[in-house]
Amino acid sequence: MANCCDMIEGDLFVCEKCGLELTVKKACTCDTGSPDKCTVPLQCCGQEMTKK
């Protein structure tokens, strides 16, 4: 699952269905141990995007 708190600058994520590619330009600053961390996975075409 690709959540923003797990992404680092330079990571590339792709949609296996349509081929959309997203590159992380700036990492998220939320803390993975915080109750306020981001919890919504990165999705496109109704499915999770995968790290390439």
N, C-alpha and C. Protein backbone atom coordinates (compact mmCIF):
# COMPACT_ATOMS: atom_id res chain seq x y z
N MET A 1 0.85 -1.17 0.00
CA MET A 1 0.00 0.00 0.00
C MET A 1 0.89 1.24 0.00
N ALA A 2 0.64 2.16 -0.89
CA ALA A 2 1.44 3.37 -1.01
C ALA A 2 0.78 4.53 -0.27
N ASN A 3 1.19 4.73 0.98
CA ASN A 3 0.74 5.88 1.76
C ASN A 3 1.82 6.94 1.72
N CYS A 4 1.45 8.20 1.76
CA CYS A 4 2.43 9.27 1.60
C CYS A 4 3.51 9.27 2.69
N CYS A 5 3.17 8.82 3.89
CA CYS A 5 4.17 8.83 4.96
C CYS A 5 5.28 7.81 4.71
N ASP A 6 5.07 6.88 3.78
CA ASP A 6 6.08 5.87 3.45
C ASP A 6 6.90 6.24 2.20
N MET A 7 6.53 7.33 1.53
CA MET A 7 7.19 7.72 0.29
C MET A 7 8.38 8.63 0.58
N ILE A 8 9.43 8.48 -0.23
CA ILE A 8 10.58 9.36 -0.10
C ILE A 8 10.83 10.06 -1.43
N GLU A 9 11.52 11.17 -1.36
CA GLU A 9 11.82 11.95 -2.56
C GLU A 9 12.50 11.07 -3.60
N GLY A 10 11.99 11.13 -4.83
CA GLY A 10 12.55 10.35 -5.93
C GLY A 10 11.80 9.06 -6.22
N ASP A 11 10.93 8.62 -5.29
CA ASP A 11 10.14 7.41 -5.54
C ASP A 11 9.26 7.62 -6.76
N LEU A 12 9.03 6.56 -7.52
CA LEU A 12 8.16 6.60 -8.69
C LEU A 12 7.04 5.59 -8.49
N PHE A 13 5.80 6.05 -8.65
CA PHE A 13 4.64 5.19 -8.51
C PHE A 13 3.89 5.14 -9.83
N VAL A 14 3.38 3.97 -10.17
CA VAL A 14 2.72 3.78 -11.46
C VAL A 14 1.36 3.09 -11.27
N CYS A 15 0.42 3.47 -12.13
CA CYS A 15 -0.87 2.80 -12.19
C CYS A 15 -0.73 1.67 -13.21
N GLU A 16 -0.97 0.45 -12.77
CA GLU A 16 -0.81 -0.71 -13.65
C GLU A 16 -1.90 -0.76 -14.73
N LYS A 17 -3.00 -0.03 -14.52
CA LYS A 17 -4.11 -0.06 -15.48
C LYS A 17 -3.91 0.95 -16.62
N CYS A 18 -3.64 2.22 -16.28
CA CYS A 18 -3.55 3.25 -17.33
C CYS A 18 -2.13 3.72 -17.61
N GLY A 19 -1.18 3.37 -16.73
CA GLY A 19 0.21 3.74 -16.97
C GLY A 19 0.63 5.08 -16.39
N LEU A 20 -0.28 5.78 -15.69
CA LEU A 20 0.07 7.05 -15.06
C LEU A 20 1.25 6.86 -14.13
N GLU A 21 2.24 7.73 -14.22
CA GLU A 21 3.41 7.67 -13.34
C GLU A 21 3.51 8.96 -12.54
N LEU A 22 3.74 8.83 -11.22
CA LEU A 22 3.90 9.97 -10.34
C LEU A 22 5.24 9.86 -9.63
N THR A 23 6.01 10.96 -9.65
CA THR A 23 7.29 11.00 -8.95
C THR A 23 7.16 11.88 -7.72
N VAL A 24 7.69 11.41 -6.59
CA VAL A 24 7.65 12.18 -5.35
C VAL A 24 8.72 13.25 -5.43
N LYS A 25 8.31 14.51 -5.37
CA LYS A 25 9.23 15.64 -5.43
C LYS A 25 9.60 16.14 -4.04
N LYS A 26 8.69 15.96 -3.09
CA LYS A 26 8.93 16.37 -1.71
C LYS A 26 8.25 15.36 -0.80
N ALA A 27 8.98 14.82 0.16
CA ALA A 27 8.44 13.80 1.05
C ALA A 27 7.44 14.40 2.02
N CYS A 28 6.48 13.58 2.44
CA CYS A 28 5.49 13.96 3.44
C CYS A 28 6.19 14.14 4.78
N THR A 29 5.67 15.03 5.60
CA THR A 29 6.29 15.27 6.91
C THR A 29 5.50 14.65 8.05
N CYS A 30 4.43 13.90 7.75
CA CYS A 30 3.67 13.28 8.85
C CYS A 30 4.48 12.13 9.44
N ASP A 31 4.28 11.89 10.72
CA ASP A 31 5.01 10.86 11.46
C ASP A 31 4.25 9.55 11.38
N THR A 32 4.91 8.47 10.96
CA THR A 32 4.24 7.18 10.81
C THR A 32 3.68 6.65 12.12
N GLY A 33 4.21 7.07 13.26
CA GLY A 33 3.71 6.61 14.55
C GLY A 33 2.63 7.50 15.13
N SER A 34 2.30 8.58 14.46
CA SER A 34 1.33 9.54 14.96
C SER A 34 -0.10 9.11 14.63
N PRO A 35 -1.05 9.40 15.50
CA PRO A 35 -2.44 9.11 15.17
C PRO A 35 -2.96 10.00 14.04
N ASP A 36 -2.25 11.08 13.73
CA ASP A 36 -2.64 12.00 12.66
C ASP A 36 -1.98 11.67 11.32
N LYS A 37 -1.30 10.52 11.23
CA LYS A 37 -0.60 10.18 10.00
C LYS A 37 -1.59 9.98 8.86
N CYS A 38 -1.13 10.12 7.66
CA CYS A 38 -1.95 9.90 6.46
C CYS A 38 -2.29 8.41 6.37
N THR A 39 -3.54 8.10 6.04
CA THR A 39 -3.98 6.71 6.00
C THR A 39 -4.59 6.30 4.67
N VAL A 40 -4.79 7.24 3.76
CA VAL A 40 -5.42 6.92 2.49
C VAL A 40 -4.35 6.50 1.49
N PRO A 41 -4.48 5.31 0.89
CA PRO A 41 -3.46 4.88 -0.07
C PRO A 41 -3.58 5.64 -1.39
N LEU A 42 -2.47 5.77 -2.08
CA LEU A 42 -2.42 6.42 -3.39
C LEU A 42 -3.12 5.51 -4.40
N GLN A 43 -4.18 6.02 -5.04
CA GLN A 43 -4.95 5.20 -5.97
C GLN A 43 -5.16 5.90 -7.30
N CYS A 44 -5.36 5.08 -8.32
CA CYS A 44 -5.70 5.55 -9.67
C CYS A 44 -6.52 4.44 -10.32
N CYS A 45 -7.50 4.78 -11.10
CA CYS A 45 -8.36 3.80 -11.80
C CYS A 45 -8.96 2.78 -10.83
N GLY A 46 -9.24 3.21 -9.60
CA GLY A 46 -9.89 2.34 -8.63
C GLY A 46 -8.99 1.29 -8.00
N GLN A 47 -7.68 1.41 -8.20
CA GLN A 47 -6.75 0.45 -7.58
C GLN A 47 -5.54 1.18 -7.04
N GLU A 48 -4.83 0.53 -6.11
CA GLU A 48 -3.64 1.15 -5.53
C GLU A 48 -2.52 1.25 -6.55
N MET A 49 -1.78 2.35 -6.49
CA MET A 49 -0.62 2.50 -7.36
C MET A 49 0.55 1.74 -6.75
N THR A 50 1.46 1.28 -7.58
CA THR A 50 2.59 0.49 -7.11
C THR A 50 3.90 1.25 -7.32
N LYS A 51 4.85 0.96 -6.44
CA LYS A 51 6.17 1.58 -6.55
C LYS A 51 6.96 0.89 -7.65
N LYS A 52 7.54 1.69 -8.53
CA LYS A 52 8.29 1.16 -9.66
C LYS A 52 9.77 1.19 -9.37
